[in-house]
């Protein structure tokens, strides 16, 4: 069983697809972990938290039909273990965290981000955990915390978690890694117009690794020739990427409509929470122009 974890601080973009979804498409046994508490440390717009959470769930559902979804906020043991670890972890060691270095106006939540991530992995106690190349430091932290817990209780009851590291990086138009924090991401199910506007920002570069051609090859697994003009290649890239995700996008829209129909048909129990979800569905429909 492989654990896939994603921060719901924003919409799922092409970088998430390359590093998280695409490598495990053929693997049957996997759990999807939505880190909805982690996103509070990054997302200042708290109203969008539920919207992003709902959108992420439906996108994963469109790729993986029958999978177990784990929501971080539903597991009280994660917060309990996080508090226990925070009680014995030396605060001076947090200075070495990559998330702390070269940052101004850091919140306590951001400093504790790696510790909360470790408590997630320990609590779920999975055999395999899929992580990105930027989270290698957290493996060392996880091993130290697990060893310390084992020494305290004198029993090693945890499974030996094996980490699968994905070293693929998708570069955006500004030659930086595509991420929400860099503000250079593109929603995975973007319409044709948004795709065209995004790829218009790319410049012709000799560095293939950070070019539009590398972006296309990583997403579609097909090579593109340099013989054609850049504009012809750009239209070809936009069309292929759009039609590649069109089926999954239609599945997503169908799931959204079914959820909308179910909530309206349901009785008035928990009507407050139903209204929140229905309002988020309206926002998603506006995003897709449904």
C-alpha atoms as a PDB file:
ATOM      1  CA  UNK A   1       0.000   0.000   0.000  1.00  0.00           C
ATOM      2  CA  UNK A   2       1.419   3.394  -1.083  1.00  0.00           C
ATOM      3  CA  UNK A   3       0.521   6.637   0.697  1.00  0.00           C
ATOM      4  CA  UNK A   4       0.131   9.759  -1.464  1.00  0.00           C
ATOM      5  CA  UNK A   5       0.014  13.041   0.418  1.00  0.00           C
ATOM      6  CA  UNK A   6      -0.872  16.451  -0.989  1.00  0.00           C
ATOM      7  CA  UNK A   7      -1.238  19.895   0.547  1.00  0.00           C
ATOM      8  CA  UNK A   8      -4.643  21.407  -0.241  1.00  0.00           C
ATOM      9  CA  UNK A   9      -3.402  25.018  -0.120  1.00  0.00           C
ATOM     10  CA  UNK A  10      -4.401  25.502  -3.767  1.00  0.00           C
ATOM     11  CA  UNK A  11      -5.732  23.804  -6.876  1.00  0.00           C
ATOM     12  CA  UNK A  12      -3.908  20.739  -8.242  1.00  0.00           C
ATOM     13  CA  UNK A  13      -1.522  21.836 -10.999  1.00  0.00           C
ATOM     14  CA  UNK A  14       0.616  20.123 -13.649  1.00  0.00           C
ATOM     15  CA  UNK A  15       3.562  19.898 -11.245  1.00  0.00           C
ATOM     16  CA  UNK A  16       1.420  17.806  -8.859  1.00  0.00           C
ATOM     17  CA  UNK A  17       0.414  15.578 -11.770  1.00  0.00           C
ATOM     18  CA  UNK A  18       4.050  14.877 -12.759  1.00  0.00           C
ATOM     19  CA  UNK A  19       5.349  14.272  -9.233  1.00  0.00           C
ATOM     20  CA  UNK A  20       2.355  12.595  -7.582  1.00  0.00           C
ATOM     21  CA  UNK A  21      -0.408  11.312  -9.886  1.00  0.00           C
ATOM     22  CA  UNK A  22       1.376  10.126 -13.043  1.00  0.00           C
ATOM     23  CA  UNK A  23       3.991   7.817 -11.378  1.00  0.00           C
ATOM     24  CA  UNK A  24       1.311   5.795  -9.535  1.00  0.00           C
ATOM     25  CA  UNK A  25      -1.411   5.547 -12.202  1.00  0.00           C
ATOM     26  CA  UNK A  26      -0.705   1.838 -12.776  1.00  0.00           C
ATOM     27  CA  UNK A  27      -0.347   0.962  -9.078  1.00  0.00           C
ATOM     28  CA  UNK A  28      -3.585  -0.466  -7.664  1.00  0.00           C
ATOM     29  CA  UNK A  29      -3.055  -0.233  -3.896  1.00  0.00           C
ATOM     30  CA  UNK A  30      -2.770   3.374  -2.728  1.00  0.00           C
ATOM     31  CA  UNK A  31      -4.195   5.686  -0.078  1.00  0.00           C
ATOM     32  CA  UNK A  32      -4.686   9.390  -0.773  1.00  0.00           C
ATOM     33  CA  UNK A  33      -3.926  11.724   2.129  1.00  0.00           C
ATOM     34  CA  UNK A  34      -5.282  15.281   1.960  1.00  0.00           C
ATOM     35  CA  UNK A  35      -3.236  17.501   4.284  1.00  0.00           C
ATOM     36  CA  UNK A  36      -5.922  20.084   5.011  1.00  0.00           C
ATOM     37  CA  UNK A  37      -4.213  21.246   8.238  1.00  0.00           C
ATOM     38  CA  UNK A  38      -0.876  21.876   6.502  1.00  0.00           C
ATOM     39  CA  UNK A  39      -2.557  24.254   4.082  1.00  0.00           C
ATOM     40  CA  UNK A  40      -3.594  26.588   6.932  1.00  0.00           C
ATOM     41  CA  UNK A  41       0.076  27.531   7.437  1.00  0.00           C
ATOM     42  CA  UNK A  42       0.400  28.584   3.776  1.00  0.00           C
ATOM     43  CA  UNK A  43      -3.042  29.735   2.701  1.00  0.00           C
ATOM     44  CA  UNK A  44      -4.077  33.145   4.031  1.00  0.00           C
ATOM     45  CA  UNK A  45      -7.474  32.905   2.325  1.00  0.00           C
ATOM     46  CA  UNK A  46      -9.171  30.508   4.736  1.00  0.00           C
ATOM     47  CA  UNK A  47     -12.461  30.659   2.823  1.00  0.00           C
ATOM     48  CA  UNK A  48     -10.790  28.784  -0.063  1.00  0.00           C
ATOM     49  CA  UNK A  49      -9.620  25.878   2.125  1.00  0.00           C
ATOM     50  CA  UNK A  50     -12.878  23.909   1.779  1.00  0.00           C
ATOM     51  CA  UNK A  51     -13.069  24.782  -1.923  1.00  0.00           C
ATOM     52  CA  UNK A  52      -9.550  23.447  -2.580  1.00  0.00           C
ATOM     53  CA  UNK A  53     -10.243  20.374  -0.455  1.00  0.00           C
ATOM     54  CA  UNK A  54     -13.394  19.517  -2.420  1.00  0.00           C
ATOM     55  CA  UNK A  55     -11.715  20.164  -5.790  1.00  0.00           C
ATOM     56  CA  UNK A  56      -8.664  18.037  -4.876  1.00  0.00           C
ATOM     57  CA  UNK A  57     -10.891  15.146  -3.743  1.00  0.00           C
ATOM     58  CA  UNK A  58     -12.859  15.161  -7.003  1.00  0.00           C
ATOM     59  CA  UNK A  59      -9.721  15.424  -9.165  1.00  0.00           C
ATOM     60  CA  UNK A  60      -8.131  12.433  -7.424  1.00  0.00           C
ATOM     61  CA  UNK A  61     -11.451  10.599  -7.734  1.00  0.00           C
ATOM     62  CA  UNK A  62     -11.434  11.208 -11.504  1.00  0.00           C
ATOM     63  CA  UNK A  63      -7.992   9.536 -11.760  1.00  0.00           C
ATOM     64  CA  UNK A  64      -8.387   6.865  -9.047  1.00  0.00           C
ATOM     65  CA  UNK A  65     -11.972   5.583  -8.799  1.00  0.00           C
ATOM     66  CA  UNK A  66     -11.960   3.217  -5.804  1.00  0.00           C
ATOM     67  CA  UNK A  67      -9.364   4.565  -3.380  1.00  0.00           C
ATOM     68  CA  UNK A  68      -9.343   5.420   0.312  1.00  0.00           C
ATOM     69  CA  UNK A  69      -9.280   9.149   1.099  1.00  0.00           C
ATOM     70  CA  UNK A  70      -7.724  10.205   4.402  1.00  0.00           C
ATOM     71  CA  UNK A  71      -8.370  13.737   5.652  1.00  0.00           C
ATOM     72  CA  UNK A  72      -5.795  15.079   8.086  1.00  0.00           C
ATOM     73  CA  UNK A  73      -8.367  17.022  10.110  1.00  0.00           C
ATOM     74  CA  UNK A  74     -10.390  13.825  10.757  1.00  0.00           C
ATOM     75  CA  UNK A  75      -7.487  12.073  12.539  1.00  0.00           C
ATOM     76  CA  UNK A  76      -7.247  13.296  16.143  1.00  0.00           C
ATOM     77  CA  UNK A  77      -4.273  10.992  16.789  1.00  0.00           C
ATOM     78  CA  UNK A  78      -2.176  13.041  14.347  1.00  0.00           C
ATOM     79  CA  UNK A  79      -2.598  16.182  16.475  1.00  0.00           C
ATOM     80  CA  UNK A  80      -2.047  14.213  19.681  1.00  0.00           C
ATOM     81  CA  UNK A  81       1.233  12.739  18.379  1.00  0.00           C
ATOM     82  CA  UNK A  82       2.257  16.145  16.999  1.00  0.00           C
ATOM     83  CA  UNK A  83       1.890  17.631  20.499  1.00  0.00           C
ATOM     84  CA  UNK A  84       3.856  14.761  22.083  1.00  0.00           C
ATOM     85  CA  UNK A  85       6.718  15.186  19.570  1.00  0.00           C
ATOM     86  CA  UNK A  86       6.691  18.983  20.078  1.00  0.00           C
ATOM     87  CA  UNK A  87       7.136  18.452  23.830  1.00  0.00           C
ATOM     88  CA  UNK A  88      10.472  16.630  23.520  1.00  0.00           C
ATOM     89  CA  UNK A  89      11.850  18.061  20.239  1.00  0.00           C
ATOM     90  CA  UNK A  90      14.619  20.653  20.707  1.00  0.00           C
ATOM     91  CA  UNK A  91      13.594  24.041  19.295  1.00  0.00           C
ATOM     92  CA  UNK A  92      17.208  24.868  18.322  1.00  0.00           C
ATOM     93  CA  UNK A  93      17.143  22.040  15.766  1.00  0.00           C
ATOM     94  CA  UNK A  94      14.302  23.711  13.870  1.00  0.00           C
ATOM     95  CA  UNK A  95      16.836  26.285  12.595  1.00  0.00           C
ATOM     96  CA  UNK A  96      18.147  23.611  10.209  1.00  0.00           C
ATOM     97  CA  UNK A  97      14.758  23.104   8.549  1.00  0.00           C
ATOM     98  CA  UNK A  98      14.767  24.233   4.920  1.00  0.00           C
ATOM     99  CA  UNK A  99      11.373  25.861   5.379  1.00  0.00           C
ATOM    100  CA  UNK A 100      12.858  28.191   8.054  1.00  0.00           C
ATOM    101  CA  UNK A 101      15.962  29.349   6.147  1.00  0.00           C
ATOM    102  CA  UNK A 102      15.826  32.687   4.302  1.00  0.00           C
ATOM    103  CA  UNK A 103      12.224  33.366   5.309  1.00  0.00           C
ATOM    104  CA  UNK A 104      10.771  36.534   6.808  1.00  0.00           C
ATOM    105  CA  UNK A 105       7.653  36.750   9.007  1.00  0.00           C
ATOM    106  CA  UNK A 106       7.593  33.043   9.790  1.00  0.00           C
ATOM    107  CA  UNK A 107       4.647  31.700  11.751  1.00  0.00           C
ATOM    108  CA  UNK A 108       4.939  28.944  14.371  1.00  0.00           C
ATOM    109  CA  UNK A 109       2.843  26.715  12.091  1.00  0.00           C
ATOM    110  CA  UNK A 110       5.424  26.956   9.280  1.00  0.00           C
ATOM    111  CA  UNK A 111       8.282  26.113  11.651  1.00  0.00           C
ATOM    112  CA  UNK A 112       6.360  23.058  12.901  1.00  0.00           C
ATOM    113  CA  UNK A 113       5.400  21.964   9.371  1.00  0.00           C
ATOM    114  CA  UNK A 114       8.030  19.134   9.132  1.00  0.00           C
ATOM    115  CA  UNK A 115       7.110  17.819  12.611  1.00  0.00           C
ATOM    116  CA  UNK A 116       3.419  17.665  11.678  1.00  0.00           C
ATOM    117  CA  UNK A 117       4.357  15.847   8.465  1.00  0.00           C
ATOM    118  CA  UNK A 118       6.299  13.246  10.486  1.00  0.00           C
ATOM    119  CA  UNK A 119       3.338  12.765  12.831  1.00  0.00           C
ATOM    120  CA  UNK A 120       1.150  12.172   9.749  1.00  0.00           C
ATOM    121  CA  UNK A 121       3.418   9.390   8.475  1.00  0.00           C
ATOM    122  CA  UNK A 122       3.851   7.761  11.908  1.00  0.00           C
ATOM    123  CA  UNK A 123       0.113   7.831  12.710  1.00  0.00           C
ATOM    124  CA  UNK A 124      -1.004   6.360   9.382  1.00  0.00           C
ATOM    125  CA  UNK A 125       1.811   3.776   9.714  1.00  0.00           C
ATOM    126  CA  UNK A 126       1.969   2.839   6.025  1.00  0.00           C
ATOM    127  CA  UNK A 127       4.488   0.521   4.319  1.00  0.00           C
ATOM    128  CA  UNK A 128       5.404   2.947   1.510  1.00  0.00           C
ATOM    129  CA  UNK A 129       5.189   6.732   1.359  1.00  0.00           C
ATOM    130  CA  UNK A 130       5.560   8.698  -1.877  1.00  0.00           C
ATOM    131  CA  UNK A 131       7.394  12.034  -1.455  1.00  0.00           C
ATOM    132  CA  UNK A 132       8.952  14.731  -3.626  1.00  0.00           C
ATOM    133  CA  UNK A 133      12.660  15.502  -3.945  1.00  0.00           C
ATOM    134  CA  UNK A 134      12.244  18.671  -1.810  1.00  0.00           C
ATOM    135  CA  UNK A 135      11.154  16.579   1.200  1.00  0.00           C
ATOM    136  CA  UNK A 136      14.287  14.404   1.569  1.00  0.00           C
ATOM    137  CA  UNK A 137      15.223  16.236   4.790  1.00  0.00           C
ATOM    138  CA  UNK A 138      11.966  15.033   6.359  1.00  0.00           C
ATOM    139  CA  UNK A 139      13.063  11.375   5.982  1.00  0.00           C
ATOM    140  CA  UNK A 140      16.005  11.965   8.323  1.00  0.00           C
ATOM    141  CA  UNK A 141      13.733  13.775  10.779  1.00  0.00           C
ATOM    142  CA  UNK A 142      11.199  10.913  10.607  1.00  0.00           C
ATOM    143  CA  UNK A 143      13.888   8.293  11.375  1.00  0.00           C
ATOM    144  CA  UNK A 144      15.181  10.284  14.370  1.00  0.00           C
ATOM    145  CA  UNK A 145      11.699  10.750  15.835  1.00  0.00           C
ATOM    146  CA  UNK A 146      10.751   7.071  15.354  1.00  0.00           C
ATOM    147  CA  UNK A 147      13.988   5.932  17.042  1.00  0.00           C
ATOM    148  CA  UNK A 148      13.397   8.307  19.951  1.00  0.00           C
ATOM    149  CA  UNK A 149       9.804   7.090  20.432  1.00  0.00           C
ATOM    150  CA  UNK A 150      11.039   3.471  20.377  1.00  0.00           C
ATOM    151  CA  UNK A 151      13.635   4.237  23.080  1.00  0.00           C
ATOM    152  CA  UNK A 152      11.027   5.850  25.329  1.00  0.00           C
ATOM    153  CA  UNK A 153       8.599   2.922  25.206  1.00  0.00           C
ATOM    154  CA  UNK A 154      11.284   0.196  24.727  1.00  0.00           C
ATOM    155  CA  UNK A 155       9.149  -1.440  22.017  1.00  0.00           C
ATOM    156  CA  UNK A 156       9.393  -0.960  18.269  1.00  0.00           C
ATOM    157  CA  UNK A 157       5.754  -1.264  17.185  1.00  0.00           C
ATOM    158  CA  UNK A 158       5.944   0.899  14.059  1.00  0.00           C
ATOM    159  CA  UNK A 159       6.316  -0.482  10.553  1.00  0.00           C
ATOM    160  CA  UNK A 160       9.552   0.268   8.724  1.00  0.00           C
ATOM    161  CA  UNK A 161       8.274   2.924   6.376  1.00  0.00           C
ATOM    162  CA  UNK A 162      10.000   2.956   2.998  1.00  0.00           C
ATOM    163  CA  UNK A 163      10.062   6.258   1.152  1.00  0.00           C
ATOM    164  CA  UNK A 164       9.698   6.425  -2.631  1.00  0.00           C
ATOM    165  CA  UNK A 165      11.352   9.621  -3.878  1.00  0.00           C
ATOM    166  CA  UNK A 166      10.321  11.156  -7.183  1.00  0.00           C
ATOM    167  CA  UNK A 167      13.179  13.238  -8.595  1.00  0.00           C
ATOM    168  CA  UNK A 168      11.256  14.673 -11.559  1.00  0.00           C
ATOM    169  CA  UNK A 169      10.813  18.447 -11.543  1.00  0.00           C
ATOM    170  CA  UNK A 170       8.494  20.394 -13.846  1.00  0.00           C
ATOM    171  CA  UNK A 171       9.734  23.895 -14.717  1.00  0.00           C
ATOM    172  CA  UNK A 172       7.330  26.722 -15.456  1.00  0.00           C
ATOM    173  CA  UNK A 173       7.636  29.700 -17.849  1.00  0.00           C
ATOM    174  CA  UNK A 174       9.928  31.648 -15.459  1.00  0.00           C
ATOM    175  CA  UNK A 175      12.440  28.711 -15.385  1.00  0.00           C
ATOM    176  CA  UNK A 176      11.530  27.952 -11.777  1.00  0.00           C
ATOM    177  CA  UNK A 177       9.932  24.835 -10.361  1.00  0.00           C
ATOM    178  CA  UNK A 178       6.161  24.900 -10.799  1.00  0.00           C
ATOM    179  CA  UNK A 179       4.613  25.382  -7.373  1.00  0.00           C
ATOM    180  CA  UNK A 180       1.885  27.334  -5.612  1.00  0.00           C
ATOM    181  CA  UNK A 181       4.448  29.258  -3.525  1.00  0.00           C
ATOM    182  CA  UNK A 182       6.264  30.465  -6.695  1.00  0.00           C
ATOM    183  CA  UNK A 183       2.902  31.580  -8.148  1.00  0.00           C
ATOM    184  CA  UNK A 184       3.732  30.053 -11.529  1.00  0.00           C
ATOM    185  CA  UNK A 185       1.346  27.089 -11.450  1.00  0.00           C
ATOM    186  CA  UNK A 186      -1.426  26.133 -13.863  1.00  0.00           C
ATOM    187  CA  UNK A 187      -4.603  24.276 -12.879  1.00  0.00           C
ATOM    188  CA  UNK A 188      -4.586  20.718 -14.251  1.00  0.00           C
ATOM    189  CA  UNK A 189      -8.044  20.965 -15.865  1.00  0.00           C
ATOM    190  CA  UNK A 190      -7.584  24.458 -17.306  1.00  0.00           C
ATOM    191  CA  UNK A 191      -9.563  25.394 -20.404  1.00  0.00           C
ATOM    192  CA  UNK A 192      -8.016  25.956 -23.847  1.00  0.00           C
ATOM    193  CA  UNK A 193      -7.789  29.738 -23.442  1.00  0.00           C
ATOM    194  CA  UNK A 194      -5.921  29.543 -20.109  1.00  0.00           C
ATOM    195  CA  UNK A 195      -3.515  26.949 -21.532  1.00  0.00           C
ATOM    196  CA  UNK A 196      -2.742  29.197 -24.493  1.00  0.00           C
ATOM    197  CA  UNK A 197      -2.188  32.244 -22.257  1.00  0.00           C
ATOM    198  CA  UNK A 198       0.107  30.213 -19.995  1.00  0.00           C
ATOM    199  CA  UNK A 199       2.278  28.830 -22.818  1.00  0.00           C
ATOM    200  CA  UNK A 200       2.554  32.302 -24.395  1.00  0.00           C
ATOM    201  CA  UNK A 201       4.702  33.238 -21.375  1.00  0.00           C
ATOM    202  CA  UNK A 202       7.374  30.692 -22.348  1.00  0.00           C
ATOM    203  CA  UNK A 203      10.478  32.016 -24.106  1.00  0.00           C
ATOM    204  CA  UNK A 204      12.663  30.097 -26.547  1.00  0.00           C
ATOM    205  CA  UNK A 205      15.642  28.774 -24.592  1.00  0.00           C
ATOM    206  CA  UNK A 206      18.576  26.504 -25.394  1.00  0.00           C
ATOM    207  CA  UNK A 207      18.214  24.830 -22.005  1.00  0.00           C
ATOM    208  CA  UNK A 208      15.894  21.991 -22.943  1.00  0.00           C
ATOM    209  CA  UNK A 209      15.356  21.010 -19.297  1.00  0.00           C
ATOM    210  CA  UNK A 210      13.583  24.307 -18.594  1.00  0.00           C
ATOM    211  CA  UNK A 211      11.894  24.725 -21.971  1.00  0.00           C
ATOM    212  CA  UNK A 212       8.313  24.371 -23.182  1.00  0.00           C
ATOM    213  CA  UNK A 213       9.352  21.176 -25.010  1.00  0.00           C
ATOM    214  CA  UNK A 214      10.459  19.513 -21.780  1.00  0.00           C
ATOM    215  CA  UNK A 215       7.155  20.538 -20.181  1.00  0.00           C
ATOM    216  CA  UNK A 216       5.243  18.869 -23.015  1.00  0.00           C
ATOM    217  CA  UNK A 217       7.365  15.686 -23.006  1.00  0.00           C
ATOM    218  CA  UNK A 218       7.017  15.198 -19.232  1.00  0.00           C
ATOM    219  CA  UNK A 219       3.242  15.615 -19.319  1.00  0.00           C
ATOM    220  CA  UNK A 220       2.430  13.610 -22.470  1.00  0.00           C
ATOM    221  CA  UNK A 221       5.423  11.204 -22.812  1.00  0.00           C
ATOM    222  CA  UNK A 222       5.817  12.147 -26.489  1.00  0.00           C
ATOM    223  CA  UNK A 223       8.762  13.889 -28.125  1.00  0.00           C
ATOM    224  CA  UNK A 224       8.414  17.012 -30.215  1.00  0.00           C
ATOM    225  CA  UNK A 225      10.576  18.072 -33.160  1.00  0.00           C
ATOM    226  CA  UNK A 226      12.497  21.343 -33.299  1.00  0.00           C
ATOM    227  CA  UNK A 227      12.132  21.589 -37.097  1.00  0.00           C
ATOM    228  CA  UNK A 228       8.718  23.253 -36.956  1.00  0.00           C
ATOM    229  CA  UNK A 229       8.387  26.904 -36.008  1.00  0.00           C
ATOM    230  CA  UNK A 230       7.890  27.791 -32.358  1.00  0.00           C
ATOM    231  CA  UNK A 231       4.304  29.039 -32.913  1.00  0.00           C
ATOM    232  CA  UNK A 232       3.268  25.816 -34.680  1.00  0.00           C
ATOM    233  CA  UNK A 233       4.791  23.748 -31.899  1.00  0.00           C
ATOM    234  CA  UNK A 234       3.041  25.879 -29.282  1.00  0.00           C
ATOM    235  CA  UNK A 235      -0.418  25.283 -30.816  1.00  0.00           C
ATOM    236  CA  UNK A 236       0.375  21.574 -31.132  1.00  0.00           C
ATOM    237  CA  UNK A 237       1.404  21.466 -27.447  1.00  0.00           C
ATOM    238  CA  UNK A 238      -1.738  23.284 -26.237  1.00  0.00           C
ATOM    239  CA  UNK A 239      -4.084  21.049 -28.267  1.00  0.00           C
ATOM    240  CA  UNK A 240      -2.431  17.804 -27.153  1.00  0.00           C
ATOM    241  CA  UNK A 241      -2.352  18.732 -23.460  1.00  0.00           C
ATOM    242  CA  UNK A 242      -5.973  19.939 -23.577  1.00  0.00           C
ATOM    243  CA  UNK A 243      -7.290  16.736 -25.192  1.00  0.00           C
ATOM    244  CA  UNK A 244      -5.118  14.504 -22.988  1.00  0.00           C
ATOM    245  CA  UNK A 245      -7.002  15.590 -19.852  1.00  0.00           C
ATOM    246  CA  UNK A 246     -10.405  16.139 -21.481  1.00  0.00           C
ATOM    247  CA  UNK A 247     -11.804  12.695 -20.494  1.00  0.00           C
ATOM    248  CA  UNK A 248     -10.696  13.122 -16.877  1.00  0.00           C
ATOM    249  CA  UNK A 249     -12.151  16.624 -16.877  1.00  0.00           C
ATOM    250  CA  UNK A 250     -15.535  15.257 -18.024  1.00  0.00           C
ATOM    251  CA  UNK A 251     -15.406  12.636 -15.236  1.00  0.00           C
ATOM    252  CA  UNK A 252     -14.666  15.460 -12.770  1.00  0.00           C
ATOM    253  CA  UNK A 253     -17.658  17.500 -14.012  1.00  0.00           C
ATOM    254  CA  UNK A 254     -19.921  14.436 -13.816  1.00  0.00           C
ATOM    255  CA  UNK A 255     -18.840  13.776 -10.199  1.00  0.00           C
ATOM    256  CA  UNK A 256     -19.507  17.409  -9.367  1.00  0.00           C
ATOM    257  CA  UNK A 257     -23.023  17.280 -10.845  1.00  0.00           C
ATOM    258  CA  UNK A 258     -23.813  14.043  -8.985  1.00  0.00           C
ATOM    259  CA  UNK A 259     -22.666  15.582  -5.696  1.00  0.00           C
ATOM    260  CA  UNK A 260     -24.741  18.687  -6.365  1.00  0.00           C
ATOM    261  CA  UNK A 261     -27.830  16.570  -7.107  1.00  0.00           C
ATOM    262  CA  UNK A 262     -27.277  14.411  -4.000  1.00  0.00           C
ATOM    263  CA  UNK A 263     -26.985  17.390  -1.621  1.00  0.00           C
ATOM    264  CA  UNK A 264     -30.097  19.083  -2.995  1.00  0.00           C
ATOM    265  CA  UNK A 265     -32.108  15.869  -2.753  1.00  0.00           C
ATOM    266  CA  UNK A 266     -30.869  15.106   0.770  1.00  0.00           C
ATOM    267  CA  UNK A 267     -32.960  15.996   3.807  1.00  0.00           C
ATOM    268  CA  UNK A 268     -32.279  19.169   5.798  1.00  0.00           C
ATOM    269  CA  UNK A 269     -29.994  17.444   8.302  1.00  0.00           C
ATOM    270  CA  UNK A 270     -26.717  19.376   8.676  1.00  0.00           C
ATOM    271  CA  UNK A 271     -28.084  21.989   6.249  1.00  0.00           C
ATOM    272  CA  UNK A 272     -25.377  24.466   7.321  1.00  0.00           C
ATOM    273  CA  UNK A 273     -22.558  22.214   6.086  1.00  0.00           C
ATOM    274  CA  UNK A 274     -24.527  21.262   2.974  1.00  0.00           C
ATOM    275  CA  UNK A 275     -24.865  24.958   2.082  1.00  0.00           C
ATOM    276  CA  UNK A 276     -21.091  25.431   2.424  1.00  0.00           C
ATOM    277  CA  UNK A 277     -20.459  22.530   0.023  1.00  0.00           C
ATOM    278  CA  UNK A 278     -23.130  23.786  -2.411  1.00  0.00           C
ATOM    279  CA  UNK A 279     -21.547  27.263  -2.420  1.00  0.00           C
ATOM    280  CA  UNK A 280     -18.167  25.683  -3.193  1.00  0.00           C
ATOM    281  CA  UNK A 281     -19.755  23.673  -6.029  1.00  0.00           C
ATOM    282  CA  UNK A 282     -21.058  26.942  -7.530  1.00  0.00           C
ATOM    283  CA  UNK A 283     -17.523  28.394  -7.383  1.00  0.00           C
ATOM    284  CA  UNK A 284     -16.075  25.307  -9.107  1.00  0.00           C
ATOM    285  CA  UNK A 285     -18.765  25.553 -11.806  1.00  0.00           C
ATOM    286  CA  UNK A 286     -17.737  29.161 -12.403  1.00  0.00           C
ATOM    287  CA  UNK A 287     -14.126  27.998 -12.706  1.00  0.00           C
ATOM    288  CA  UNK A 288     -15.120  25.505 -15.422  1.00  0.00           C
ATOM    289  CA  UNK A 289     -17.826  27.695 -16.999  1.00  0.00           C
ATOM    290  CA  UNK A 290     -20.376  24.882 -16.523  1.00  0.00           C
END
